[in-house]
PDB file of N, CA and C in Angstrom:
ATOM      1  N   MET A   1     -25.564 -18.431  39.610  1.00  0.00           N
ATOM      2  CA  MET A   1     -24.269 -18.153  38.967  1.00  0.00           C
ATOM      3  C   MET A   1     -23.747 -16.555  39.339  1.00  0.00           C
ATOM      4  N   GLU A   2     -22.624 -16.611  39.508  1.00  0.00           N
ATOM      5  CA  GLU A   2     -21.999 -15.305  39.569  1.00  0.00           C
ATOM      6  C   GLU A   2     -21.713 -14.972  38.335  1.00  0.00           C
ATOM      7  N   SER A   3     -21.891 -13.125  38.023  1.00  0.00           N
ATOM      8  CA  SER A   3     -21.404 -12.346  37.054  1.00  0.00           C
ATOM      9  C   SER A   3     -20.067 -12.495  37.238  1.00  0.00           C
ATOM     10  N   THR A   4     -19.110 -12.192  36.240  1.00  0.00           N
ATOM     11  CA  THR A   4     -18.191 -11.645  36.273  1.00  0.00           C
ATOM     12  C   THR A   4     -17.646 -10.419  36.936  1.00  0.00           C
ATOM     13  N   ARG A   5     -18.403  -9.607  36.937  1.00  0.00           N
ATOM     14  CA  ARG A   5     -18.637  -8.371  37.699  1.00  0.00           C
ATOM     15  C   ARG A   5     -18.501  -8.807  39.505  1.00  0.00           C
ATOM     16  N   GLN A   6     -19.618  -9.405  39.726  1.00  0.00           N
ATOM     17  CA  GLN A   6     -19.483  -9.987  40.884  1.00  0.00           C
ATOM     18  C   GLN A   6     -18.268 -10.645  41.568  1.00  0.00           C
ATOM     19  N   LYS A   7     -17.859 -11.604  40.590  1.00  0.00           N
ATOM     20  CA  LYS A   7     -16.211 -12.547  41.099  1.00  0.00           C
ATOM     21  C   LYS A   7     -15.434 -11.219  41.333  1.00  0.00           C
ATOM     22  N   LYS A   8     -15.254 -10.138  40.248  1.00  0.00           N
ATOM     23  CA  LYS A   8     -14.264  -8.987  40.070  1.00  0.00           C
ATOM     24  C   LYS A   8     -14.427  -8.299  41.798  1.00  0.00           C
ATOM     25  N   VAL A   9     -15.534  -7.938  42.285  1.00  0.00           N
ATOM     26  CA  VAL A   9     -15.468  -7.105  43.036  1.00  0.00           C
ATOM     27  C   VAL A   9     -15.508  -8.135  44.284  1.00  0.00           C
ATOM     28  N   SER A  10     -16.114  -9.240  44.281  1.00  0.00           N
ATOM     29  CA  SER A  10     -15.498 -10.176  45.710  1.00  0.00           C
ATOM     30  C   SER A  10     -14.221 -10.354  45.561  1.00  0.00           C
ATOM     31  N   ARG A  11     -13.476 -10.201  44.516  1.00  0.00           N
ATOM     32  CA  ARG A  11     -12.039 -10.717  44.779  1.00  0.00           C
ATOM     33  C   ARG A  11     -11.447  -9.255  45.265  1.00  0.00           C
ATOM     34  N   LEU A  12     -11.875  -7.930  45.160  1.00  0.00           N
ATOM     35  CA  LEU A  12     -11.419  -6.858  45.794  1.00  0.00           C
ATOM     36  C   LEU A  12     -11.876  -6.713  46.774  1.00  0.00           C
ATOM     37  N   ILE A  13     -12.916  -6.726  47.340  1.00  0.00           N
ATOM     38  CA  ILE A  13     -13.330  -6.720  48.723  1.00  0.00           C
ATOM     39  C   ILE A  13     -12.464  -7.733  49.580  1.00  0.00           C
ATOM     40  N   GLN A  14     -12.268  -8.825  49.282  1.00  0.00           N
ATOM     41  CA  GLN A  14     -11.585  -9.902  49.866  1.00  0.00           C
ATOM     42  C   GLN A  14     -10.208  -9.490  50.042  1.00  0.00           C
ATOM     43  N   LYS A  15      -9.816  -8.899  49.143  1.00  0.00           N
ATOM     44  CA  LYS A  15      -8.147  -8.731  49.410  1.00  0.00           C
ATOM     45  C   LYS A  15      -8.106  -7.002  50.105  1.00  0.00           C
ATOM     46  N   GLU A  16      -9.037  -6.210  50.295  1.00  0.00           N
ATOM     47  CA  GLU A  16      -8.718  -5.212  51.215  1.00  0.00           C
ATOM     48  C   GLU A  16      -9.246  -5.302  52.472  1.00  0.00           C
ATOM     49  N   ILE A  17     -10.219  -6.262  52.648  1.00  0.00           N
ATOM     50  CA  ILE A  17     -10.515  -6.798  53.833  1.00  0.00           C
ATOM     51  C   ILE A  17      -9.466  -7.343  54.652  1.00  0.00           C
ATOM     52  N   ALA A  18      -8.824  -8.339  53.761  1.00  0.00           N
ATOM     53  CA  ALA A  18      -7.831  -9.094  54.408  1.00  0.00           C
ATOM     54  C   ALA A  18      -6.614  -8.064  54.819  1.00  0.00           C
ATOM     55  N   ASP A  19      -6.553  -6.765  54.055  1.00  0.00           N
ATOM     56  CA  ASP A  19      -5.311  -5.900  54.391  1.00  0.00           C
ATOM     57  C   ASP A  19      -6.183  -5.412  55.936  1.00  0.00           C
ATOM     58  N   ILE A  20      -7.134  -4.935  55.949  1.00  0.00           N
ATOM     59  CA  ILE A  20      -7.905  -4.280  57.103  1.00  0.00           C
ATOM     60  C   ILE A  20      -7.331  -5.289  58.153  1.00  0.00           C
ATOM     61  N   PHE A  21      -7.687  -6.249  58.385  1.00  0.00           N
ATOM     62  CA  PHE A  21      -7.262  -7.144  59.020  1.00  0.00           C
ATOM     63  C   PHE A  21      -6.145  -7.809  59.532  1.00  0.00           C
ATOM     64  N   LEU A  22      -5.472  -7.701  58.438  1.00  0.00           N
ATOM     65  CA  LEU A  22      -3.838  -7.674  58.810  1.00  0.00           C
ATOM     66  C   LEU A  22      -3.236  -6.175  59.803  1.00  0.00           C
ATOM     67  N   ARG A  23      -3.869  -5.409  59.440  1.00  0.00           N
ATOM     68  CA  ARG A  23      -3.134  -3.795  60.085  1.00  0.00           C
ATOM     69  C   ARG A  23      -4.018  -3.653  61.079  1.00  0.00           C
ATOM     70  N   LYS A  24      -5.630  -4.130  61.380  1.00  0.00           N
ATOM     71  CA  LYS A  24      -5.845  -3.689  62.501  1.00  0.00           C
ATOM     72  C   LYS A  24      -6.555  -5.049  63.118  1.00  0.00           C
ATOM     73  N   GLY A  25      -6.233  -6.089  62.761  1.00  0.00           N
ATOM     74  CA  GLY A  25      -6.802  -7.399  63.565  1.00  0.00           C
ATOM     75  C   GLY A  25      -6.608  -7.388  65.171  1.00  0.00           C
ATOM     76  N   SER A  26      -5.470  -7.070  65.532  1.00  0.00           N
ATOM     77  CA  SER A  26      -5.283  -7.273  66.909  1.00  0.00           C
ATOM     78  C   SER A  26      -6.350  -6.374  67.859  1.00  0.00           C
ATOM     79  N   GLU A  27      -7.094  -5.310  67.128  1.00  0.00           N
ATOM     80  CA  GLU A  27      -7.897  -4.486  67.730  1.00  0.00           C
ATOM     81  C   GLU A  27      -9.679  -5.432  67.886  1.00  0.00           C
ATOM     82  N   TYR A  28      -9.535  -6.147  66.637  1.00  0.00           N
ATOM     83  CA  TYR A  28     -10.835  -7.211  66.727  1.00  0.00           C
ATOM     84  C   TYR A  28     -10.549  -8.241  67.242  1.00  0.00           C
ATOM     85  N   ALA A  29      -9.435  -8.867  67.513  1.00  0.00           N
ATOM     86  CA  ALA A  29      -9.351 -10.273  68.058  1.00  0.00           C
ATOM     87  C   ALA A  29      -7.784 -10.208  68.705  1.00  0.00           C
ATOM     88  N   PRO A  30      -7.780  -9.679  69.989  1.00  0.00           N
ATOM     89  CA  PRO A  30      -6.256  -9.829  69.983  1.00  0.00           C
ATOM     90  C   PRO A  30      -5.727 -10.989  70.111  1.00  0.00           C
ATOM     91  N   GLY A  31      -4.633 -11.773  69.635  1.00  0.00           N
ATOM     92  CA  GLY A  31      -3.846 -13.074  70.167  1.00  0.00           C
ATOM     93  C   GLY A  31      -4.680 -14.245  68.724  1.00  0.00           C
ATOM     94  N   LYS A  32      -5.216 -13.575  68.034  1.00  0.00           N
ATOM     95  CA  LYS A  32      -6.178 -14.528  66.942  1.00  0.00           C
ATOM     96  C   LYS A  32      -5.469 -14.257  65.694  1.00  0.00           C
ATOM     97  N   LEU A  33      -5.561 -15.000  64.646  1.00  0.00           N
ATOM     98  CA  LEU A  33      -5.403 -14.798  63.331  1.00  0.00           C
ATOM     99  C   LEU A  33      -6.444 -15.040  62.687  1.00  0.00           C
ATOM    100  N   ILE A  34      -7.236 -13.873  62.102  1.00  0.00           N
ATOM    101  CA  ILE A  34      -8.022 -13.765  61.577  1.00  0.00           C
ATOM    102  C   ILE A  34      -8.069 -13.987  59.717  1.00  0.00           C
ATOM    103  N   SER A  35      -8.488 -14.706  58.902  1.00  0.00           N
ATOM    104  CA  SER A  35      -8.403 -14.981  57.272  1.00  0.00           C
ATOM    105  C   SER A  35      -9.706 -15.000  56.803  1.00  0.00           C
ATOM    106  N   ILE A  36      -9.666 -14.142  55.804  1.00  0.00           N
ATOM    107  CA  ILE A  36     -10.600 -14.050  54.854  1.00  0.00           C
ATOM    108  C   ILE A  36     -11.114 -15.848  53.764  1.00  0.00           C
ATOM    109  N   THR A  37     -11.453 -16.305  53.904  1.00  0.00           N
ATOM    110  CA  THR A  37     -11.826 -17.483  52.943  1.00  0.00           C
ATOM    111  C   THR A  37     -12.293 -17.303  51.615  1.00  0.00           C
ATOM    112  N   LYS A  38     -13.888 -16.455  51.954  1.00  0.00           N
ATOM    113  CA  LYS A  38     -14.518 -16.254  50.645  1.00  0.00           C
ATOM    114  C   LYS A  38     -15.334 -14.821  51.031  1.00  0.00           C
ATOM    115  N   VAL A  39     -15.730 -14.361  49.968  1.00  0.00           N
ATOM    116  CA  VAL A  39     -16.838 -12.988  49.984  1.00  0.00           C
ATOM    117  C   VAL A  39     -17.355 -13.602  48.937  1.00  0.00           C
ATOM    118  N   ARG A  40     -19.263 -13.304  49.145  1.00  0.00           N
ATOM    119  CA  ARG A  40     -20.019 -13.543  48.352  1.00  0.00           C
ATOM    120  C   ARG A  40     -20.869 -12.241  48.013  1.00  0.00           C
ATOM    121  N   VAL A  41     -20.753 -11.353  46.698  1.00  0.00           N
ATOM    122  CA  VAL A  41     -21.493 -10.340  46.711  1.00  0.00           C
ATOM    123  C   VAL A  41     -22.866 -10.462  46.202  1.00  0.00           C
ATOM    124  N   SER A  42     -23.998  -9.960  46.475  1.00  0.00           N
ATOM    125  CA  SER A  42     -25.290  -9.836  46.145  1.00  0.00           C
ATOM    126  C   SER A  42     -25.346  -9.233  44.112  1.00  0.00           C
ATOM    127  N   PRO A  43     -26.354  -9.860  43.656  1.00  0.00           N
ATOM    128  CA  PRO A  43     -26.190  -9.403  42.507  1.00  0.00           C
ATOM    129  C   PRO A  43     -26.048  -8.127  41.883  1.00  0.00           C
ATOM    130  N   ASP A  44     -26.593  -7.018  42.933  1.00  0.00           N
ATOM    131  CA  ASP A  44     -26.848  -5.491  42.569  1.00  0.00           C
ATOM    132  C   ASP A  44     -25.578  -4.877  43.131  1.00  0.00           C
ATOM    133  N   LEU A  45     -24.699  -5.678  43.894  1.00  0.00           N
ATOM    134  CA  LEU A  45     -23.436  -5.210  44.294  1.00  0.00           C
ATOM    135  C   LEU A  45     -23.841  -4.510  45.641  1.00  0.00           C
ATOM    136  N   SER A  46     -24.704  -4.808  46.594  1.00  0.00           N
ATOM    137  CA  SER A  46     -24.898  -3.780  47.362  1.00  0.00           C
ATOM    138  C   SER A  46     -24.804  -4.299  48.950  1.00  0.00           C
ATOM    139  N   PHE A  47     -24.513  -5.903  49.039  1.00  0.00           N
ATOM    140  CA  PHE A  47     -24.387  -6.661  49.920  1.00  0.00           C
ATOM    141  C   PHE A  47     -23.310  -7.540  50.014  1.00  0.00           C
ATOM    142  N   ALA A  48     -22.394  -7.719  50.664  1.00  0.00           N
ATOM    143  CA  ALA A  48     -21.070  -8.873  50.816  1.00  0.00           C
ATOM    144  C   ALA A  48     -21.508  -9.643  51.887  1.00  0.00           C
ATOM    145  N   ARG A  49     -21.460 -10.963  51.959  1.00  0.00           N
ATOM    146  CA  ARG A  49     -21.238 -11.900  52.763  1.00  0.00           C
ATOM    147  C   ARG A  49     -19.563 -12.412  53.099  1.00  0.00           C
ATOM    148  N   ILE A  50     -19.106 -12.103  53.888  1.00  0.00           N
ATOM    149  CA  ILE A  50     -17.567 -12.060  54.311  1.00  0.00           C
ATOM    150  C   ILE A  50     -17.413 -13.453  55.465  1.00  0.00           C
ATOM    151  N   TYR A  51     -16.674 -14.628  54.828  1.00  0.00           N
ATOM    152  CA  TYR A  51     -16.405 -15.285  55.542  1.00  0.00           C
ATOM    153  C   TYR A  51     -15.332 -15.218  56.242  1.00  0.00           C
ATOM    154  N   LEU A  52     -14.951 -15.999  57.555  1.00  0.00           N
ATOM    155  CA  LEU A  52     -14.023 -15.557  58.213  1.00  0.00           C
ATOM    156  C   LEU A  52     -13.312 -17.153  58.662  1.00  0.00           C
ATOM    157  N   SER A  53     -12.267 -17.111  58.685  1.00  0.00           N
ATOM    158  CA  SER A  53     -11.431 -18.477  59.438  1.00  0.00           C
ATOM    159  C   SER A  53     -10.770 -17.819  60.342  1.00  0.00           C
ATOM    160  N   ILE A  54     -11.000 -18.462  61.995  1.00  0.00           N
ATOM    161  CA  ILE A  54     -10.072 -17.323  63.070  1.00  0.00           C
ATOM    162  C   ILE A  54      -9.209 -18.896  63.906  1.00  0.00           C
ATOM    163  N   PHE A  55      -8.066 -18.518  64.174  1.00  0.00           N
ATOM    164  CA  PHE A  55      -6.742 -19.255  64.150  1.00  0.00           C
ATOM    165  C   PHE A  55      -6.218 -18.647  65.896  1.00  0.00           C
ATOM    166  N   PRO A  56      -6.116 -19.458  66.594  1.00  0.00           N
ATOM    167  CA  PRO A  56      -7.012 -20.725  67.492  1.00  0.00           C
ATOM    168  C   PRO A  56      -8.332 -20.930  67.296  1.00  0.00           C
ATOM    169  N   SER A  57      -8.874 -21.791  67.030  1.00  0.00           N
ATOM    170  CA  SER A  57      -9.994 -21.659  66.971  1.00  0.00           C
ATOM    171  C   SER A  57     -11.126 -21.892  68.441  1.00  0.00           C
ATOM    172  N   THR A  58     -10.629 -21.191  69.570  1.00  0.00           N
ATOM    173  CA  THR A  58     -11.227 -21.285  70.835  1.00  0.00           C
ATOM    174  C   THR A  58     -11.927 -19.940  70.955  1.00  0.00           C
ATOM    175  N   ASN A  59     -13.106 -19.502  71.267  1.00  0.00           N
ATOM    176  CA  ASN A  59     -13.734 -18.299  71.774  1.00  0.00           C
ATOM    177  C   ASN A  59     -14.195 -17.944  70.190  1.00  0.00           C
ATOM    178  N   ILE A  60     -14.488 -18.776  69.071  1.00  0.00           N
ATOM    179  CA  ILE A  60     -14.856 -18.085  67.992  1.00  0.00           C
ATOM    180  C   ILE A  60     -16.237 -17.142  67.922  1.00  0.00           C
ATOM    181  N   ASN A  61     -17.105 -17.362  68.635  1.00  0.00           N
ATOM    182  CA  ASN A  61     -18.175 -16.598  68.695  1.00  0.00           C
ATOM    183  C   ASN A  61     -18.286 -15.433  69.714  1.00  0.00           C
ATOM    184  N   ASP A  62     -17.171 -15.058  70.150  1.00  0.00           N
ATOM    185  CA  ASP A  62     -16.400 -13.882  70.795  1.00  0.00           C
ATOM    186  C   ASP A  62     -16.194 -13.282  69.861  1.00  0.00           C
ATOM    187  N   VAL A  63     -15.116 -13.564  69.441  1.00  0.00           N
ATOM    188  CA  VAL A  63     -14.241 -13.440  68.377  1.00  0.00           C
ATOM    189  C   VAL A  63     -15.732 -12.288  67.203  1.00  0.00           C
ATOM    190  N   LEU A  64     -16.190 -13.390  66.431  1.00  0.00           N
ATOM    191  CA  LEU A  64     -17.071 -13.029  65.673  1.00  0.00           C
ATOM    192  C   LEU A  64     -18.200 -11.755  65.868  1.00  0.00           C
ATOM    193  N   GLN A  65     -18.976 -11.863  67.108  1.00  0.00           N
ATOM    194  CA  GLN A  65     -19.120 -10.822  67.596  1.00  0.00           C
ATOM    195  C   GLN A  65     -18.738  -9.363  68.160  1.00  0.00           C
ATOM    196  N   ASN A  66     -17.503  -9.204  68.406  1.00  0.00           N
ATOM    197  CA  ASN A  66     -16.482  -8.644  68.333  1.00  0.00           C
ATOM    198  C   ASN A  66     -16.317  -7.872  66.853  1.00  0.00           C
ATOM    199  N   VAL A  67     -16.242  -8.422  66.088  1.00  0.00           N
ATOM    200  CA  VAL A  67     -15.976  -8.264  64.831  1.00  0.00           C
ATOM    201  C   VAL A  67     -17.187  -7.349  64.141  1.00  0.00           C
ATOM    202  N   GLN A  68     -18.271  -8.076  64.438  1.00  0.00           N
ATOM    203  CA  GLN A  68     -19.625  -7.457  64.149  1.00  0.00           C
ATOM    204  C   GLN A  68     -19.958  -6.262  64.699  1.00  0.00           C
ATOM    205  N   ASP A  69     -19.226  -6.198  65.946  1.00  0.00           N
ATOM    206  CA  ASP A  69     -19.949  -5.076  66.164  1.00  0.00           C
ATOM    207  C   ASP A  69     -18.917  -3.666  66.112  1.00  0.00           C
ATOM    208  N   HIS A  70     -18.236  -4.012  65.419  1.00  0.00           N
ATOM    209  CA  HIS A  70     -16.930  -3.128  64.787  1.00  0.00           C
ATOM    210  C   HIS A  70     -17.224  -3.291  63.121  1.00  0.00           C
ATOM    211  N   SER A  71     -18.116  -3.535  62.715  1.00  0.00           N
ATOM    212  CA  SER A  71     -18.392  -4.054  61.146  1.00  0.00           C
ATOM    213  C   SER A  71     -18.665  -2.827  60.830  1.00  0.00           C
ATOM    214  N   THR A  72     -19.261  -1.117  60.699  1.00  0.00           N
ATOM    215  CA  THR A  72     -19.398   0.042  60.408  1.00  0.00           C
ATOM    216  C   THR A  72     -18.073   0.385  60.235  1.00  0.00           C
ATOM    217  N   ARG A  73     -16.961   0.511  61.281  1.00  0.00           N
ATOM    218  CA  ARG A  73     -15.368   0.754  61.054  1.00  0.00           C
ATOM    219  C   ARG A  73     -14.663   0.414  59.906  1.00  0.00           C
ATOM    220  N   ILE A  74     -15.333  -1.182  59.777  1.00  0.00           N
ATOM    221  CA  ILE A  74     -14.157  -2.106  59.036  1.00  0.00           C
ATOM    222  C   ILE A  74     -14.807  -1.703  57.535  1.00  0.00           C
ATOM    223  N   ARG A  75     -16.220  -1.519  57.416  1.00  0.00           N
ATOM    224  CA  ARG A  75     -16.984  -0.782  56.260  1.00  0.00           C
ATOM    225  C   ARG A  75     -16.181   0.686  55.865  1.00  0.00           C
ATOM    226  N   PHE A  76     -16.396   1.430  57.015  1.00  0.00           N
ATOM    227  CA  PHE A  76     -15.797   2.677  56.552  1.00  0.00           C
ATOM    228  C   PHE A  76     -14.230   2.562  56.164  1.00  0.00           C
ATOM    229  N   ASP A  77     -13.598   1.791  56.545  1.00  0.00           N
ATOM    230  CA  ASP A  77     -12.131   1.644  56.066  1.00  0.00           C
ATOM    231  C   ASP A  77     -12.208   1.068  54.795  1.00  0.00           C
ATOM    232  N   LEU A  78     -12.777   0.250  54.328  1.00  0.00           N
ATOM    233  CA  LEU A  78     -13.079  -0.634  53.164  1.00  0.00           C
ATOM    234  C   LEU A  78     -13.449   0.378  52.062  1.00  0.00           C
ATOM    235  N   GLY A  79     -14.442   1.426  52.364  1.00  0.00           N
ATOM    236  CA  GLY A  79     -14.749   2.668  51.924  1.00  0.00           C
ATOM    237  C   GLY A  79     -13.494   3.236  51.026  1.00  0.00           C
ATOM    238  N   HIS A  80     -12.585   3.986  51.953  1.00  0.00           N
ATOM    239  CA  HIS A  80     -11.454   4.314  51.833  1.00  0.00           C
ATOM    240  C   HIS A  80     -10.447   3.760  51.089  1.00  0.00           C
ATOM    241  N   LYS A  81     -10.628   2.395  51.019  1.00  0.00           N
ATOM    242  CA  LYS A  81      -9.349   1.732  50.169  1.00  0.00           C
ATOM    243  C   LYS A  81     -10.167   1.772  48.391  1.00  0.00           C
ATOM    244  N   VAL A  82     -11.037   1.374  48.749  1.00  0.00           N
ATOM    245  CA  VAL A  82     -12.081   1.040  47.308  1.00  0.00           C
ATOM    246  C   VAL A  82     -12.708   2.315  46.799  1.00  0.00           C
ATOM    247  N   ARG A  83     -12.824   3.347  47.292  1.00  0.00           N
ATOM    248  CA  ARG A  83     -13.308   4.272  46.833  1.00  0.00           C
ATOM    249  C   ARG A  83     -13.348   4.812  45.203  1.00  0.00           C
ATOM    250  N   THR A  84     -12.231   4.196  44.648  1.00  0.00           N
ATOM    251  CA  THR A  84     -11.741   4.709  43.276  1.00  0.00           C
ATOM    252  C   THR A  84     -12.329   4.026  42.382  1.00  0.00           C
ATOM    253  N   GLN A  85     -12.592   2.559  42.724  1.00  0.00           N
ATOM    254  CA  GLN A  85     -13.005   1.404  41.987  1.00  0.00           C
ATOM    255  C   GLN A  85     -14.384   1.229  42.325  1.00  0.00           C
ATOM    256  N   LEU A  86     -15.313   1.556  43.300  1.00  0.00           N
ATOM    257  CA  LEU A  86     -16.628   1.058  43.204  1.00  0.00           C
ATOM    258  C   LEU A  86     -17.327   2.399  43.718  1.00  0.00           C
ATOM    259  N   ARG A  87     -18.312   2.357  43.015  1.00  0.00           N
ATOM    260  CA  ARG A  87     -19.273   3.577  43.214  1.00  0.00           C
ATOM    261  C   ARG A  87     -19.818   3.566  44.718  1.00  0.00           C
ATOM    262  N   ILE A  88     -20.325   2.504  45.101  1.00  0.00           N
ATOM    263  CA  ILE A  88     -21.459   2.384  46.214  1.00  0.00           C
ATOM    264  C   ILE A  88     -20.305   1.132  47.078  1.00  0.00           C
ATOM    265  N   VAL A  89     -19.987   1.254  48.293  1.00  0.00           N
ATOM    266  CA  VAL A  89     -19.408   0.078  48.982  1.00  0.00           C
ATOM    267  C   VAL A  89     -20.607  -0.750  49.816  1.00  0.00           C
ATOM    268  N   PRO A  90     -20.552  -1.537  49.472  1.00  0.00           N
ATOM    269  CA  PRO A  90     -21.816  -2.701  50.086  1.00  0.00           C
ATOM    270  C   PRO A  90     -21.528  -2.913  51.302  1.00  0.00           C
ATOM    271  N   ASP A  91     -22.950  -3.223  52.040  1.00  0.00           N
ATOM    272  CA  ASP A  91     -23.414  -3.511  53.189  1.00  0.00           C
ATOM    273  C   ASP A  91     -22.361  -5.021  53.626  1.00  0.00           C
ATOM    274  N   ILE A  92     -22.060  -5.029  54.747  1.00  0.00           N
ATOM    275  CA  ILE A  92     -21.057  -6.460  54.924  1.00  0.00           C
ATOM    276  C   ILE A  92     -21.755  -6.728  56.092  1.00  0.00           C
ATOM    277  N   ALA A  93     -21.515  -8.253  55.980  1.00  0.00           N
ATOM    278  CA  ALA A  93     -22.046  -9.179  57.230  1.00  0.00           C
ATOM    279  C   ALA A  93     -20.761 -10.311  57.268  1.00  0.00           C
ATOM    280  N   PHE A  94     -20.455 -10.486  58.392  1.00  0.00           N
ATOM    281  CA  PHE A  94     -19.200 -11.565  59.050  1.00  0.00           C
ATOM    282  C   PHE A  94     -20.380 -12.756  59.182  1.00  0.00           C
ATOM    283  N   PHE A  95     -19.658 -14.066  58.574  1.00  0.00           N
ATOM    284  CA  PHE A  95     -19.886 -15.383  59.067  1.00  0.00           C
ATOM    285  C   PHE A  95     -18.604 -16.045  59.388  1.00  0.00           C
ATOM    286  N   ILE A  96     -19.064 -17.218  60.238  1.00  0.00           N
ATOM    287  CA  ILE A  96     -17.455 -18.124  60.247  1.00  0.00           C
ATOM    288  C   ILE A  96     -17.652 -19.364  59.285  1.00  0.00           C
ATOM    289  N   ASP A  97     -16.236 -19.562  58.841  1.00  0.00           N
ATOM    290  CA  ASP A  97     -16.472 -20.365  57.911  1.00  0.00           C
ATOM    291  C   ASP A  97     -15.906 -21.464  58.055  1.00  0.00           C
ATOM    292  N   ASP A  98     -16.896 -22.587  58.444  1.00  0.00           N
ATOM    293  CA  ASP A  98     -16.485 -23.924  59.153  1.00  0.00           C
ATOM    294  C   ASP A  98     -15.984 -25.071  58.294  1.00  0.00           C
ATOM    295  N   SER A  99     -15.671 -25.036  56.870  1.00  0.00           N
ATOM    296  CA  SER A  99     -15.428 -25.486  56.401  1.00  0.00           C
ATOM    297  C   SER A  99     -13.788 -26.118  56.298  1.00  0.00           C
ATOM    298  N   LEU A 100     -13.110 -25.705  57.320  1.00  0.00           N
ATOM    299  CA  LEU A 100     -11.775 -26.432  57.979  1.00  0.00           C
ATOM    300  C   LEU A 100     -12.033 -27.218  58.836  1.00  0.00           C
ATOM    301  N   ASP A 101     -13.032 -26.947  59.803  1.00  0.00           N
ATOM    302  CA  ASP A 101     -13.399 -27.950  60.645  1.00  0.00           C
ATOM    303  C   ASP A 101     -14.256 -28.839  60.356  1.00  0.00           C
ATOM    304  N   TYR A 102     -15.410 -29.034  59.053  1.00  0.00           N
ATOM    305  CA  TYR A 102     -15.738 -30.363  58.838  1.00  0.00           C
ATOM    306  C   TYR A 102     -14.815 -31.250  57.694  1.00  0.00           C
ATOM    307  N   ILE A 103     -13.643 -30.641  57.103  1.00  0.00           N
ATOM    308  CA  ILE A 103     -12.647 -31.213  56.445  1.00  0.00           C
ATOM    309  C   ILE A 103     -12.001 -31.996  57.732  1.00  0.00           C
ATOM    310  N   GLU A 104     -11.815 -31.372  58.621  1.00  0.00           N
ATOM    311  CA  GLU A 104     -10.928 -32.465  59.733  1.00  0.00           C
ATOM    312  C   GLU A 104     -12.061 -33.248  60.766  1.00  0.00           C
ATOM    313  N   LYS A 105     -12.967 -33.094  60.596  1.00  0.00           N
ATOM    314  CA  LYS A 105     -13.845 -33.986  61.169  1.00  0.00           C
ATOM    315  C   LYS A 105     -14.167 -35.265  59.901  1.00  0.00           C
ATOM    316  N   ILE A 106     -14.219 -34.465  58.708  1.00  0.00           N
ATOM    317  CA  ILE A 106     -14.408 -36.125  58.008  1.00  0.00           C
ATOM    318  C   ILE A 106     -12.912 -37.095  57.963  1.00  0.00           C
ATOM    319  N   ASP A 107     -11.905 -36.264  57.930  1.00  0.00           N
ATOM    320  CA  ASP A 107     -11.073 -37.010  58.268  1.00  0.00           C
ATOM    321  C   ASP A 107     -10.528 -37.729  59.293  1.00  0.00           C
ATOM    322  N   ARG A 108     -11.354 -37.260  60.214  1.00  0.00           N
ATOM    323  CA  ARG A 108     -11.186 -38.205  61.661  1.00  0.00           C
ATOM    324  C   ARG A 108     -12.175 -39.148  61.813  1.00  0.00           C
ATOM    325  N   LEU A 109     -13.339 -39.255  61.118  1.00  0.00           N
ATOM    326  CA  LEU A 109     -14.251 -40.209  61.004  1.00  0.00           C
ATOM    327  C   LEU A 109     -13.737 -40.957  59.731  1.00  0.00           C
ATOM    328  N   LEU A 110     -12.873 -41.013  58.835  1.00  0.00           N
ATOM    329  CA  LEU A 110     -12.272 -41.815  57.564  1.00  0.00           C
ATOM    330  C   LEU A 110     -11.234 -42.665  58.390  1.00  0.00           C
ATOM    331  N   LYS A 111     -10.407 -42.225  59.325  1.00  0.00           N
ATOM    332  CA  LYS A 111      -9.337 -42.655  59.601  1.00  0.00           C
ATOM    333  C   LYS A 111      -9.650 -43.962  60.813  1.00  0.00           C
ATOM    334  N   SER A 112     -10.833 -43.553  61.742  1.00  0.00           N
ATOM    335  CA  SER A 112     -11.166 -44.238  62.621  1.00  0.00           C
ATOM    336  C   SER A 112     -11.860 -45.356  61.964  1.00  0.00           C
TER     337      SER A 112
END
C-alpha cells in the first residue's frame, strides 16, 4: 500500500518526466511518441520505476535501451525541475508498460 507521500512524489515525477520527454523526446526516440503511464516509488523515496508507453509500437526494445542509456541525463534534468520540492532525487529505472497490448489481445480473443 502506497503512502500519501509516495503518491504525491510519484505524481510529481510522472508530470516532470513527461515534460522532459515532451521537450527532448526526439533525442531519445526519433519518430516515436513516449508517454509515462505510471510511476512507482519505493517507500523510502530513493527509487522510482517509470513505466513507458511507446507509439508506434515497433522497435520498442531499441527505444527502451536508448532511454535507459540516457537515464543519467534524464535524472539530471529531473533533479533541476524538482530541486525545490524533493531533497533527494530518486534513482530511476524505465520499463515498458504492456497493459495496452494486453487489453488489445483480450479484445481480439473476445471478438473471435
